[in-house]
Amino acid sequence: MEVGQKIRGADAVIKVLAAHGVTTVFGYPGGAIMPIYDALYGSPVEHLLSRHEQGAAFAAVGYARASGKTGVCFATSGPGATNLITSLADALLDSVPLVAITGQVSTSVIGTDAFQEIDVLGMSLSCTKHSFMVTDINELIPTLYRAFEIAASGRPGPVLVDIPKDIQISELEYKTPLQSVTEELQADSADLDAAVELLKASKKPMLYVGGGVGMGGAVAHLREFIRQTQVPSVATLKGLGSIAHDTPGYLGMLGMHGGKAANLAVQECDLLIVVGARFDDRVTGRLASFASNAKVLHLDIDAAELGKLRQPDVAIAAELQCVLPHLTEAVAGQLNIDSWVNKVSAMEVEHRWDYNHPGKLIFAPAMLRRLANKLPEDSVVSCDVGQHQMWVAQHMWFRRPEDHLSSAGLGTMGFGLPAAIGAQIARPNATVVAVSGDGSFMMNVQELTTIKRKKLPVKILLVDNQKLGMVKQWQQLFFEERYSETDLSDNPNFILMASAFDIPGKTITQADEVEQALDEMLNAPGPYILHVAIDDAFNVWPLVPPGASNSDMMDQMEKQT
């Protein structure tokens, strides 16, 4: 482009995306964003047409989480923009870097209730890390650069940029703005010294690992800390994959549906080392009784999380990549915790999962464990929300955090399928499996068309108990078996429905069909759906009842045929 040459704002948007290494955006066109779609035509930035704006944003979330890059999605004004809100909230609660660009009615008619006008800026304030509306063409490029910086820096999150149509068609000279230099957040030396003293004084330390480890690029540093110190560990739903599954002393997920050994060990520890986690209520149970005899060392990039729910004895707001190596060097070989390590190991053996399920019906935990053991090294599991989500977290294992995509903070049904699409775009050579339930699957089932159009080899494992299983389980346990509106016995024929999108598959109902069916699914050259019928009597155990302490886990196993 010649110096002084002017281009449309819409063309500038695409140039900014390309400058930030964006190769794919997810979206759905409409009137108020049409100039940007015109600029997209023939550009080096690929566009993936989702069939619902929520699906587009969830695909961008899946892309971001599977790749570690910032996801980007487009939507038009009015209903297009409002359809993004749920996905933006999901990205905020799970700290996913996302830039959502929406079209808006022209500035001259903003505030007049123009066709498809809605105050998306106001709507998005509570579910984004930051939101912008561009009302000056000269602020367009700096605003977009700022959006990408905010989305990816510190604790990541979604940023919305609302661009009126007249700004998109106005002209400007493209100039790359001066960019601020983000300084790495450093730990205070006195706090580091205090942390070291806490570690050395502890006899029963426990690592409580959250999603911040993966997002902070600190997986290798955490694993080295564990290797050098032998400190036992547990993980949150988003922390799964940060610790290798065969690490000595690793007890898996803790919390409401965590493993028994994980919860009991945390309750007994004398030092809780919280790394990139936030004391979420689904993790802690009754907060006052959560690891109540333990001192707390809290490490997190977000200072707002330190002391928000549990007052730590030592808190460090800094990059985990810097803090963990310092602590490793300071305490390696100096912790006197052998008896605790042995006790945790015994607890793991005592409370190990039992996959020897009697009877002919398919036992979902055993099936998912077999799936985990069969997956190639480069694999992604994208999960929907419900009982199957907890079974995946309990019984599958993951090599890296970016290999497990699950809607943790918001718990959004309909997340799994579009997120799997985004993951497949981000990692085209990976085996991507969307594990869904019959309730969640129908929430964004239209994205099967996206799979068809792009010929994406996404595998779908559909666990079908003809119920809204998690709600039904709570109705059974806490609402006197009053099963209100959780019956899904009128589900469609899922295999027939998938065939309408040129996706082959099969249904299985018996345990002895699982092995061959999983192999057929994983070996299919393109997309495939494996429909697995299970008994609705199967519930997720253990379970910490709402308001109860994690020590009071229910472990009632159903009568299974």
Protein backbone atom coordinates (compact mmCIF):
# COMPACT_ATOMS: atom_id res chain seq x y z
CA MET A 1 0.00 0.00 0.00
CA GLU A 2 1.39 3.42 -1.00
CA VAL A 3 2.15 6.00 1.68
CA GLY A 4 -0.82 8.33 2.07
CA GLN A 5 -3.20 5.93 0.35
CA LYS A 6 -6.51 5.60 2.15
CA ILE A 7 -8.56 2.48 2.73
CA ARG A 8 -11.94 1.74 4.24
CA GLY A 9 -12.26 1.06 7.93
CA ALA A 10 -13.49 -2.42 7.04
CA ASP A 11 -10.28 -3.13 5.13
CA ALA A 12 -8.29 -1.82 8.10
CA VAL A 13 -10.03 -4.36 10.35
CA ILE A 14 -8.83 -7.24 8.19
CA LYS A 15 -5.30 -5.80 8.02
CA VAL A 16 -5.16 -5.58 11.82
CA LEU A 17 -6.27 -9.22 12.09
CA ALA A 18 -3.56 -10.30 9.65
CA ALA A 19 -0.98 -8.22 11.54
CA HIS A 20 -1.85 -10.17 14.69
CA GLY A 21 -1.35 -13.52 12.98
CA VAL A 22 -5.06 -14.30 12.75
CA THR A 23 -5.61 -16.92 10.06
CA THR A 24 -9.22 -17.91 10.81
CA VAL A 25 -12.25 -16.04 12.09
CA PHE A 26 -15.62 -17.55 12.96
CA GLY A 27 -18.83 -15.73 12.29
CA TYR A 28 -22.14 -15.07 10.63
CA PRO A 29 -22.77 -12.07 8.33
CA GLY A 30 -25.55 -9.49 8.44
CA GLY A 31 -26.42 -5.96 7.38
CA ALA A 32 -24.45 -3.91 9.89
CA ILE A 33 -21.21 -5.87 9.42
CA MET A 34 -21.48 -6.29 5.64
CA PRO A 35 -18.57 -3.94 4.80
CA ILE A 36 -16.23 -6.05 6.94
CA TYR A 37 -17.41 -9.19 5.17
CA ASP A 38 -16.81 -7.42 1.87
CA ALA A 39 -13.24 -6.68 2.98
CA LEU A 40 -12.87 -10.30 4.05
CA TYR A 41 -13.69 -11.49 0.53
CA GLY A 42 -10.44 -12.58 -1.13
CA SER A 43 -8.33 -11.68 1.91
CA PRO A 44 -5.70 -13.99 3.43
CA VAL A 45 -7.87 -14.39 6.53
CA GLU A 46 -10.07 -17.49 6.28
CA HIS A 47 -13.65 -17.29 7.51
CA LEU A 48 -15.57 -20.25 8.90
CA LEU A 49 -19.33 -19.83 8.59
CA SER A 50 -21.05 -21.12 11.68
CA ARG A 51 -24.82 -21.57 11.65
CA HIS A 52 -25.49 -19.55 14.81
CA GLU A 53 -23.52 -16.70 16.33
CA GLN A 54 -23.23 -18.58 19.62
CA GLY A 55 -21.68 -21.43 17.67
CA ALA A 56 -19.24 -19.01 16.04
CA ALA A 57 -18.08 -17.61 19.37
CA PHE A 58 -17.79 -21.05 20.97
CA ALA A 59 -15.75 -22.19 17.97
CA ALA A 60 -13.47 -19.21 18.56
CA VAL A 61 -13.22 -20.21 22.23
CA GLY A 62 -12.34 -23.79 21.26
CA TYR A 63 -9.76 -22.46 18.79
CA ALA A 64 -8.18 -20.29 21.49
CA ARG A 65 -8.13 -22.98 24.14
CA ALA A 66 -6.72 -25.68 21.85
CA SER A 67 -4.04 -23.44 20.35
CA GLY A 68 -3.13 -20.90 23.02
CA LYS A 69 -3.82 -18.10 20.53
CA THR A 70 -6.50 -15.40 20.65
CA GLY A 71 -9.78 -16.46 19.03
CA VAL A 72 -11.73 -14.05 16.83
CA CYS A 73 -15.42 -14.00 15.91
CA PHE A 74 -17.73 -11.71 13.90
CA ALA A 75 -21.43 -10.95 14.28
CA THR A 76 -23.81 -8.31 13.01
CA SER A 77 -25.81 -5.87 15.12
CA GLY A 78 -28.94 -6.61 17.14
CA PRO A 79 -29.69 -10.33 17.42
CA GLY A 80 -26.33 -11.26 15.94
CA ALA A 81 -24.53 -9.44 18.73
CA THR A 82 -26.88 -10.58 21.48
CA ASN A 83 -26.35 -14.20 20.40
CA LEU A 84 -22.68 -13.77 21.34
CA ILE A 85 -23.39 -12.81 24.95
CA THR A 86 -23.51 -16.34 26.40
CA SER A 87 -20.23 -17.27 24.72
CA LEU A 88 -18.57 -14.06 25.92
CA ALA A 89 -19.66 -14.85 29.47
CA ASP A 90 -18.26 -18.36 29.09
CA ALA A 91 -14.93 -16.97 27.88
CA LEU A 92 -14.81 -14.48 30.76
CA LEU A 93 -15.38 -17.07 33.48
CA ASP A 94 -12.84 -19.44 31.93
CA SER A 95 -10.30 -16.66 31.12
CA VAL A 96 -10.15 -17.31 27.38
CA PRO A 97 -8.50 -14.71 25.08
CA LEU A 98 -11.15 -13.72 22.55
CA VAL A 99 -11.81 -10.68 20.35
CA ALA A 100 -15.42 -10.35 19.22
CA ILE A 101 -16.07 -7.80 16.48
CA THR A 102 -19.67 -6.74 15.97
CA GLY A 103 -21.27 -4.47 13.43
CA GLN A 104 -23.48 -1.66 14.68
CA VAL A 105 -26.00 0.67 13.08
CA SER A 106 -24.56 3.94 11.78
CA THR A 107 -23.64 6.55 14.37
CA SER A 108 -26.26 8.95 13.00
CA VAL A 109 -29.11 6.66 14.10
CA ILE A 110 -27.68 5.22 17.32
CA GLY A 111 -30.22 5.78 20.07
CA THR A 112 -33.23 5.98 17.72
CA ASP A 113 -34.28 2.31 17.98
CA ALA A 114 -33.08 1.78 14.44
CA PHE A 115 -33.54 -1.59 12.76
CA GLN A 116 -31.42 -4.22 14.54
CA GLU A 117 -30.03 -1.67 16.97
CA ILE A 118 -29.19 -2.84 20.47
CA ASP A 119 -26.80 -1.46 23.06
CA VAL A 120 -24.40 -4.37 22.86
CA LEU A 121 -21.71 -2.28 24.54
CA GLY A 122 -23.89 -1.93 27.62
CA MET A 123 -25.02 -5.55 27.47
CA SER A 124 -21.46 -6.84 27.25
CA LEU A 125 -19.92 -4.89 30.12
CA SER A 126 -20.61 -7.60 32.70
CA CYS A 127 -19.42 -10.49 30.53
CA THR A 128 -16.22 -9.14 28.96
CA LYS A 129 -12.81 -8.13 30.20
CA HIS A 130 -13.28 -4.89 28.26
CA SER A 131 -15.66 -3.50 25.61
CA PHE A 132 -15.27 -0.73 23.04
CA MET A 133 -17.49 1.14 20.61
CA VAL A 134 -15.55 2.92 17.86
CA THR A 135 -17.17 6.26 16.99
CA ASP A 136 -14.13 7.94 15.38
CA ILE A 137 -12.49 6.40 12.32
CA ASN A 138 -9.08 7.55 13.59
CA GLU A 139 -9.55 5.44 16.72
CA LEU A 140 -10.38 2.24 14.84
CA ILE A 141 -6.89 0.79 14.42
CA PRO A 142 -5.60 1.77 17.90
CA THR A 143 -8.75 0.32 19.46
CA LEU A 144 -8.33 -3.02 17.68
CA TYR A 145 -4.68 -3.22 18.70
CA ARG A 146 -5.67 -2.44 22.27
CA ALA A 147 -8.36 -5.13 22.13
CA PHE A 148 -5.84 -7.82 21.21
CA GLU A 149 -3.45 -6.63 23.91
CA ILE A 150 -6.12 -6.68 26.63
CA ALA A 151 -7.50 -10.06 25.58
CA ALA A 152 -4.14 -11.84 25.87
CA SER A 153 -2.34 -9.99 28.66
CA GLY A 154 -2.37 -10.79 32.37
CA ARG A 155 -5.40 -12.93 33.10
CA PRO A 156 -6.82 -13.44 29.57
CA GLY A 157 -10.44 -12.76 28.66
CA PRO A 158 -12.89 -11.68 25.97
CA VAL A 159 -12.92 -8.17 24.49
CA LEU A 160 -15.76 -6.83 22.34
CA VAL A 161 -15.28 -4.14 19.68
CA ASP A 162 -18.53 -2.69 18.34
CA ILE A 163 -18.04 -0.87 15.01
CA PRO A 164 -20.85 1.24 13.47
CA LYS A 165 -21.44 0.74 9.76
CA ASP A 166 -20.43 4.27 8.78
CA ILE A 167 -17.07 3.77 10.51
CA GLN A 168 -16.56 0.63 8.46
CA ILE A 169 -17.03 2.50 5.18
CA SER A 170 -15.18 5.68 6.17
CA GLU A 171 -11.63 6.03 4.89
CA LEU A 172 -8.36 6.40 6.75
CA GLU A 173 -4.66 6.07 6.19
CA TYR A 174 -3.47 2.79 7.69
CA LYS A 175 -0.82 3.38 10.33
CA THR A 176 0.41 0.85 12.85
CA PRO A 177 -0.01 2.44 16.28
CA LEU A 178 2.73 2.66 18.85
CA GLN A 179 2.36 -0.34 21.10
CA SER A 180 2.78 -0.32 24.83
CA VAL A 181 5.36 -2.63 26.35
CA THR A 182 3.78 -4.88 28.96
CA GLU A 183 6.15 -5.42 31.84
CA GLU A 184 6.30 -8.89 33.34
CA LEU A 185 4.69 -8.94 36.77
CA GLN A 186 7.49 -9.71 39.21
CA ALA A 187 7.16 -11.28 42.64
CA ASP A 188 8.27 -9.39 45.73
CA SER A 189 11.41 -10.97 47.19
CA ALA A 190 10.01 -10.82 50.73
CA ASP A 191 6.92 -12.71 49.62
CA LEU A 192 9.07 -15.33 47.91
CA ASP A 193 11.11 -15.76 51.09
CA ALA A 194 7.91 -16.15 53.13
CA ALA A 195 6.62 -18.74 50.66
CA VAL A 196 9.83 -20.73 50.98
CA GLU A 197 9.54 -20.69 54.77
CA LEU A 198 5.95 -21.94 54.57
CA LEU A 199 7.03 -24.81 52.34
CA LYS A 200 9.94 -25.81 54.54
CA ALA A 201 7.79 -25.77 57.68
CA SER A 202 5.06 -27.91 56.15
CA LYS A 203 4.72 -31.62 56.89
CA LYS A 204 1.62 -32.25 54.74
CA PRO A 205 1.71 -29.90 51.72
CA MET A 206 -0.78 -30.23 48.88
CA LEU A 207 -0.82 -28.59 45.45
CA TYR A 208 -4.21 -27.31 44.29
CA VAL A 209 -3.72 -26.61 40.57
CA GLY A 210 -6.09 -24.57 38.39
CA GLY A 211 -6.43 -23.39 34.82
CA GLY A 212 -3.99 -20.54 35.32
CA VAL A 213 -1.06 -22.93 35.02
CA GLY A 214 -1.84 -23.83 31.42
CA MET A 215 -2.84 -20.30 30.44
CA GLY A 216 0.34 -18.95 32.02
CA GLY A 217 2.55 -21.34 30.07
CA ALA A 218 3.80 -22.82 33.32
CA VAL A 219 3.04 -26.52 32.86
CA ALA A 220 6.70 -27.52 32.53
CA HIS A 221 7.62 -25.37 35.56
CA LEU A 222 4.88 -26.97 37.67
CA ARG A 223 5.92 -30.48 36.67
CA GLU A 224 9.52 -29.72 37.54
CA PHE A 225 8.45 -28.38 40.94
CA ILE A 226 6.56 -31.64 41.60
CA ARG A 227 9.46 -33.76 40.38
CA GLN A 228 11.96 -31.99 42.61
CA THR A 229 9.79 -31.74 45.73
CA GLN A 230 7.44 -34.77 45.51
CA VAL A 231 4.57 -32.61 46.81
CA PRO A 232 1.23 -34.43 46.19
CA SER A 233 -1.29 -32.71 43.94
CA VAL A 234 -4.89 -32.32 42.82
CA ALA A 235 -6.41 -30.30 39.99
CA THR A 236 -9.57 -28.39 39.15
CA LEU A 237 -11.69 -29.08 36.06
CA LYS A 238 -9.65 -26.53 34.10
CA GLY A 239 -6.39 -27.66 35.66
CA LEU A 240 -6.67 -31.19 34.25
CA GLY A 241 -3.74 -31.96 31.97
CA SER A 242 -1.33 -29.66 33.80
CA ILE A 243 -0.01 -32.64 35.75
CA ALA A 244 0.88 -35.86 33.94
CA HIS A 245 -1.69 -38.48 34.90
CA ASP A 246 0.91 -40.99 36.07
CA THR A 247 2.75 -38.54 38.35
CA PRO A 248 3.29 -40.04 41.84
CA GLY A 249 1.02 -38.34 44.36
CA TYR A 250 -1.37 -36.93 41.75
CA LEU A 251 -4.95 -37.66 42.82
CA GLY A 252 -6.92 -36.12 39.93
CA MET A 253 -9.80 -33.71 40.25
CA LEU A 254 -11.06 -32.38 43.57
CA GLY A 255 -14.36 -30.77 44.53
CA MET A 256 -18.06 -31.58 44.18
CA HIS A 257 -17.43 -34.53 41.85
CA GLY A 258 -13.75 -34.97 42.63
CA GLY A 259 -12.14 -38.23 43.61
CA LYS A 260 -12.47 -39.37 47.19
CA ALA A 261 -8.72 -39.50 47.76
CA ALA A 262 -8.30 -35.99 46.30
CA ASN A 263 -10.87 -34.43 48.62
CA LEU A 264 -9.73 -36.29 51.72
CA ALA A 265 -6.07 -35.44 51.17
CA VAL A 266 -6.84 -31.75 50.72
CA GLN A 267 -8.91 -31.78 53.88
CA GLU A 268 -5.99 -33.26 55.82
CA CYS A 269 -3.14 -31.14 54.46
CA ASP A 270 -1.35 -28.52 56.55
CA LEU A 271 -0.30 -26.30 53.61
CA LEU A 272 -2.47 -25.70 50.56
CA ILE A 273 -0.39 -24.43 47.65
CA VAL A 274 -2.93 -22.81 45.31
CA VAL A 275 -1.48 -22.36 41.82
CA GLY A 276 -3.57 -20.52 39.23
CA ALA A 277 -6.88 -21.37 40.91
CA ARG A 278 -9.60 -19.29 42.57
CA PHE A 279 -11.41 -21.20 45.35
CA ASP A 280 -14.46 -21.82 43.17
CA ASP A 281 -17.51 -23.04 45.10
CA ARG A 282 -17.64 -26.28 43.09
CA VAL A 283 -14.12 -26.99 44.32
CA THR A 284 -14.35 -25.94 47.95
CA GLY A 285 -17.79 -27.13 49.06
CA ARG A 286 -18.55 -25.29 52.28
CA LEU A 287 -15.75 -22.74 52.21
CA ALA A 288 -15.33 -22.45 55.97
CA SER A 289 -14.47 -26.15 56.23
CA PHE A 290 -12.30 -26.37 53.10
CA ALA A 291 -8.77 -27.42 54.15
CA SER A 292 -9.59 -25.66 57.40
CA ASN A 293 -6.41 -26.74 59.21
CA ALA A 294 -4.11 -25.68 56.40
CA LYS A 295 -2.11 -22.55 55.84
CA VAL A 296 -2.49 -21.14 52.33
CA LEU A 297 0.12 -20.12 49.79
CA HIS A 298 -1.71 -18.55 46.83
CA LEU A 299 0.05 -17.94 43.49
CA ASP A 300 -1.91 -16.21 40.71
CA ILE A 301 -1.44 -13.62 37.98
CA ASP A 302 -4.68 -11.89 39.01
CA ALA A 303 -4.22 -9.97 42.26
CA ALA A 304 -8.01 -9.63 42.56
CA GLU A 305 -8.25 -13.36 43.33
CA LEU A 306 -5.85 -13.18 46.26
CA GLY A 307 -7.86 -13.01 49.46
CA LYS A 308 -11.18 -12.77 47.60
CA LEU A 309 -12.60 -15.91 49.22
CA ARG A 310 -9.86 -17.33 51.45
CA GLN A 311 -7.29 -15.17 53.16
CA PRO A 312 -3.85 -16.60 52.29
CA ASP A 313 -0.91 -16.68 54.66
CA VAL A 314 1.30 -15.73 51.74
CA ALA A 315 0.02 -14.38 48.42
CA ILE A 316 2.07 -13.74 45.28
CA ALA A 317 0.60 -12.01 42.23
CA ALA A 318 3.15 -12.71 39.50
CA GLU A 319 3.95 -14.82 36.46
CA LEU A 320 3.92 -18.49 37.43
CA GLN A 321 6.79 -19.06 34.99
CA CYS A 322 8.94 -16.94 37.29
CA VAL A 323 7.61 -17.94 40.72
CA LEU A 324 7.63 -21.73 40.36
CA PRO A 325 11.30 -22.07 39.30
CA HIS A 326 12.34 -19.86 42.22
CA LEU A 327 10.41 -22.00 44.70
CA THR A 328 11.72 -25.21 43.11
CA GLU A 329 15.33 -24.11 43.45
CA ALA A 330 14.80 -22.90 47.01
CA VAL A 331 13.18 -26.04 48.47
CA ALA A 332 14.26 -28.97 46.28
CA GLY A 333 15.48 -31.80 48.49
CA GLN A 334 14.71 -29.86 51.66
CA LEU A 335 11.15 -30.92 52.44
CA ASN A 336 10.58 -33.52 55.14
CA ILE A 337 7.36 -35.03 53.79
CA ASP A 338 8.12 -38.71 53.18
CA SER A 339 5.46 -39.99 55.58
CA TRP A 340 2.85 -37.72 53.99
CA VAL A 341 3.81 -38.83 50.49
CA ASN A 342 3.41 -42.45 51.57
CA LYS A 343 0.04 -41.76 53.16
CA VAL A 344 -1.26 -40.00 50.04
CA SER A 345 -0.08 -42.94 47.94
CA ALA A 346 -2.00 -45.33 50.20
CA MET A 347 -5.11 -43.15 49.95
CA GLU A 348 -4.87 -43.24 46.15
CA VAL A 349 -4.75 -47.04 46.19
CA GLU A 350 -7.59 -47.34 48.72
CA HIS A 351 -9.95 -45.10 46.74
CA ARG A 352 -8.93 -46.06 43.21
CA TRP A 353 -11.73 -46.14 40.65
CA ASP A 354 -13.27 -49.56 40.03
CA TYR A 355 -14.10 -50.18 36.38
CA ASN A 356 -15.22 -53.78 36.84
CA HIS A 357 -18.88 -53.11 36.26
CA PRO A 358 -21.17 -56.14 36.32
CA GLY A 359 -23.86 -56.67 33.76
CA LYS A 360 -24.32 -56.15 30.05
CA LEU A 361 -25.10 -52.43 29.94
CA ILE A 362 -22.53 -49.82 28.98
CA PHE A 363 -20.81 -48.27 31.99
CA ALA A 364 -19.83 -44.76 30.88
CA PRO A 365 -16.81 -44.34 33.22
CA ALA A 366 -15.23 -47.56 31.92
CA MET A 367 -15.95 -46.59 28.32
CA LEU A 368 -14.37 -43.14 28.75
CA ARG A 369 -11.31 -44.64 30.40
CA ARG A 370 -10.88 -46.93 27.41
CA LEU A 371 -11.27 -43.93 25.09
CA ALA A 372 -8.55 -42.02 26.97
CA ASN A 373 -6.18 -44.97 26.64
CA LYS A 374 -6.86 -45.24 22.90
CA LEU A 375 -6.48 -41.59 21.91
CA PRO A 376 -3.38 -40.66 19.88
CA GLU A 377 -0.85 -38.32 21.47
CA ASP A 378 -2.16 -35.29 19.57
CA SER A 379 -5.80 -35.36 20.64
CA VAL A 380 -8.39 -32.92 21.95
CA VAL A 381 -11.51 -33.80 23.92
CA SER A 382 -14.19 -31.12 23.87
CA CYS A 383 -16.94 -31.70 26.38
CA ASP A 384 -20.48 -30.51 26.89
CA VAL A 385 -22.08 -30.01 30.29
CA GLY A 386 -23.75 -32.57 32.53
CA GLN A 387 -23.06 -36.02 33.91
CA HIS A 388 -20.91 -36.96 30.92
CA GLN A 389 -18.76 -33.86 31.58
CA MET A 390 -17.98 -35.04 35.10
CA TRP A 391 -17.32 -38.61 33.93
CA VAL A 392 -14.85 -37.24 31.38
CA ALA A 393 -13.08 -35.22 34.09
CA GLN A 394 -13.01 -38.16 36.51
CA HIS A 395 -12.06 -40.99 34.19
CA MET A 396 -10.18 -39.61 31.18
CA TRP A 397 -6.64 -38.28 31.29
CA PHE A 398 -4.99 -35.57 29.24
CA ARG A 399 -1.42 -34.88 28.22
CA ARG A 400 -1.79 -31.08 28.28
CA PRO A 401 -4.42 -28.57 29.50
CA GLU A 402 -5.15 -27.52 25.92
CA ASP A 403 -6.23 -31.09 25.16
CA HIS A 404 -9.29 -30.83 27.44
CA LEU A 405 -11.95 -28.24 26.59
CA SER A 406 -14.82 -27.96 29.05
CA SER A 407 -17.14 -25.14 30.03
CA ALA A 408 -16.06 -24.86 33.66
CA GLY A 409 -17.10 -21.51 35.12
CA LEU A 410 -20.38 -20.98 33.27
CA GLY A 411 -21.30 -24.63 32.63
CA THR A 412 -22.81 -23.92 29.21
CA MET A 413 -24.77 -26.65 27.51
CA GLY A 414 -24.10 -26.54 23.78
CA PHE A 415 -20.42 -25.69 24.25
CA GLY A 416 -18.90 -28.99 23.17
CA LEU A 417 -19.69 -29.32 19.45
CA PRO A 418 -18.75 -25.80 18.28
CA ALA A 419 -15.69 -25.79 20.56
CA ALA A 420 -14.58 -29.04 18.92
CA ILE A 421 -14.94 -27.38 15.52
CA GLY A 422 -12.67 -24.55 16.64
CA ALA A 423 -10.15 -27.02 18.04
CA GLN A 424 -10.11 -28.95 14.76
CA ILE A 425 -9.44 -25.75 12.81
CA ALA A 426 -6.65 -24.81 15.24
CA ARG A 427 -5.06 -28.26 15.12
CA PRO A 428 -6.08 -29.83 11.80
CA ASN A 429 -3.97 -32.96 12.27
CA ALA A 430 -5.23 -33.70 15.79
CA THR A 431 -7.87 -36.25 16.68
CA VAL A 432 -10.73 -34.15 18.04
CA VAL A 433 -13.55 -35.83 19.97
CA ALA A 434 -16.67 -34.00 21.13
CA VAL A 435 -18.19 -35.83 24.11
CA SER A 436 -21.79 -34.73 24.50
CA GLY A 437 -25.00 -35.69 26.23
CA ASP A 438 -28.37 -35.97 24.55
CA GLY A 439 -29.54 -32.74 26.19
CA SER A 440 -26.46 -30.63 25.41
CA PHE A 441 -26.09 -31.96 21.88
CA MET A 442 -29.39 -30.45 20.77
CA MET A 443 -28.38 -26.99 21.98
CA ASN A 444 -26.07 -26.30 19.01
CA VAL A 445 -26.83 -29.24 16.75
CA GLN A 446 -26.98 -26.88 13.74
CA GLU A 447 -23.17 -26.82 13.77
CA LEU A 448 -23.21 -30.26 12.15
CA THR A 449 -23.64 -28.20 8.98
CA THR A 450 -20.34 -26.45 9.68
CA ILE A 451 -18.66 -29.83 9.99
CA LYS A 452 -20.23 -30.92 6.71
CA ARG A 453 -19.23 -27.78 4.82
CA LYS A 454 -15.60 -27.87 5.94
CA LYS A 455 -15.38 -31.67 5.90
CA LEU A 456 -13.96 -31.58 9.40
CA PRO A 457 -13.04 -35.00 10.87
CA VAL A 458 -14.59 -34.26 14.27
CA LYS A 459 -15.65 -37.40 16.15
CA ILE A 460 -18.82 -37.15 18.26
CA LEU A 461 -19.35 -39.46 21.23
CA LEU A 462 -22.98 -38.96 22.23
CA VAL A 463 -23.88 -40.38 25.65
CA ASP A 464 -27.66 -40.78 25.71
CA ASN A 465 -29.68 -41.63 28.82
CA GLN A 466 -32.83 -39.88 27.53
CA LYS A 467 -32.66 -37.53 30.50
CA LEU A 468 -31.23 -34.22 31.56
CA GLY A 469 -29.01 -36.42 33.64
CA MET A 470 -27.39 -34.04 36.12
CA VAL A 471 -30.64 -32.23 36.87
CA LYS A 472 -32.42 -35.56 37.18
CA GLN A 473 -29.76 -36.79 39.63
CA TRP A 474 -30.29 -33.74 41.84
CA GLN A 475 -34.06 -34.18 41.65
CA GLN A 476 -33.57 -37.76 42.77
CA LEU A 477 -31.31 -36.86 45.69
CA PHE A 478 -32.57 -33.48 46.87
CA PHE A 479 -36.11 -32.99 45.49
CA GLU A 480 -37.83 -36.18 46.63
CA GLU A 481 -37.64 -37.77 43.15
CA ARG A 482 -39.95 -35.15 41.67
CA TYR A 483 -38.68 -35.39 38.11
CA SER A 484 -39.82 -32.10 36.64
CA GLU A 485 -39.09 -31.60 32.92
CA THR A 486 -36.00 -33.80 32.70
CA ASP A 487 -37.44 -36.54 30.48
CA LEU A 488 -35.94 -36.63 26.96
CA SER A 489 -37.47 -39.91 25.81
CA ASP A 490 -38.71 -38.16 22.66
CA ASN A 491 -35.14 -37.59 21.42
CA PRO A 492 -34.72 -37.85 17.66
CA ASN A 493 -32.98 -40.72 15.93
CA PHE A 494 -29.50 -39.23 16.26
CA ILE A 495 -27.87 -41.49 13.68
CA LEU A 496 -30.56 -40.69 11.12
CA MET A 497 -30.25 -36.99 11.89
CA ALA A 498 -26.46 -37.06 11.49
CA SER A 499 -26.83 -38.85 8.17
CA ALA A 500 -28.69 -35.80 6.86
CA PHE A 501 -25.38 -33.96 7.31
CA ASP A 502 -23.44 -36.76 5.59
CA ILE A 503 -21.99 -37.89 8.92
CA PRO A 504 -21.90 -41.68 9.37
CA GLY A 505 -22.22 -43.43 12.72
CA LYS A 506 -23.75 -46.21 14.75
CA THR A 507 -25.63 -46.88 17.97
CA ILE A 508 -24.40 -49.23 20.69
CA THR A 509 -26.25 -50.45 23.78
CA GLN A 510 -24.14 -53.30 25.22
CA ALA A 511 -20.80 -53.28 27.02
CA ASP A 512 -19.28 -55.86 24.70
CA GLU A 513 -19.79 -53.47 21.76
CA VAL A 514 -17.67 -50.66 23.22
CA GLU A 515 -14.18 -51.74 22.18
CA GLN A 516 -14.91 -52.21 18.49
CA ALA A 517 -17.14 -49.14 18.33
CA LEU A 518 -14.46 -46.85 19.79
CA ASP A 519 -11.95 -48.18 17.27
CA GLU A 520 -14.39 -47.60 14.39
CA MET A 521 -15.00 -44.04 15.54
CA LEU A 522 -11.32 -43.16 15.96
CA ASN A 523 -10.32 -44.82 12.69
CA ALA A 524 -13.02 -43.13 10.62
CA PRO A 525 -11.34 -40.90 8.00
CA GLY A 526 -13.87 -38.10 8.39
CA PRO A 527 -16.54 -37.03 10.89
CA TYR A 528 -18.32 -39.77 12.80
CA ILE A 529 -20.98 -40.06 15.50
CA LEU A 530 -21.02 -42.88 18.03
CA HIS A 531 -24.37 -42.91 19.80
CA VAL A 532 -24.07 -44.67 23.16
CA ALA A 533 -27.28 -45.60 24.98
CA ILE A 534 -26.88 -45.92 28.75
CA ASP A 535 -29.25 -46.56 31.65
CA ASP A 536 -30.59 -43.40 33.29
CA ALA A 537 -30.04 -45.06 36.70
CA PHE A 538 -26.31 -44.40 36.43
CA ASN A 539 -25.32 -41.31 38.42
CA VAL A 540 -22.08 -39.44 39.01
CA TRP A 541 -20.28 -40.44 42.21
CA PRO A 542 -18.90 -39.27 44.52
CA LEU A 543 -20.95 -36.13 45.12
CA VAL A 544 -20.51 -33.39 47.70
CA PRO A 545 -24.05 -32.17 48.47
CA PRO A 546 -24.65 -28.41 48.11
CA GLY A 547 -23.55 -26.55 51.23
CA ALA A 548 -21.71 -29.56 52.64
CA SER A 549 -18.04 -30.00 53.46
CA ASN A 550 -15.85 -31.89 51.01
CA SER A 551 -15.32 -34.39 53.84
CA ASP A 552 -18.99 -35.38 53.56
CA MET A 553 -19.00 -36.94 50.12
CA MET A 554 -21.93 -39.10 49.10
CA ASP A 555 -20.67 -42.31 47.58
CA GLN A 556 -23.93 -44.17 47.06
CA MET A 557 -23.63 -46.47 44.08
CA GLU A 558 -26.77 -47.37 42.20
CA LYS A 559 -28.16 -50.83 41.76
CA GLN A 560 -26.83 -51.55 38.30
CA THR A 561 -27.95 -54.37 36.09
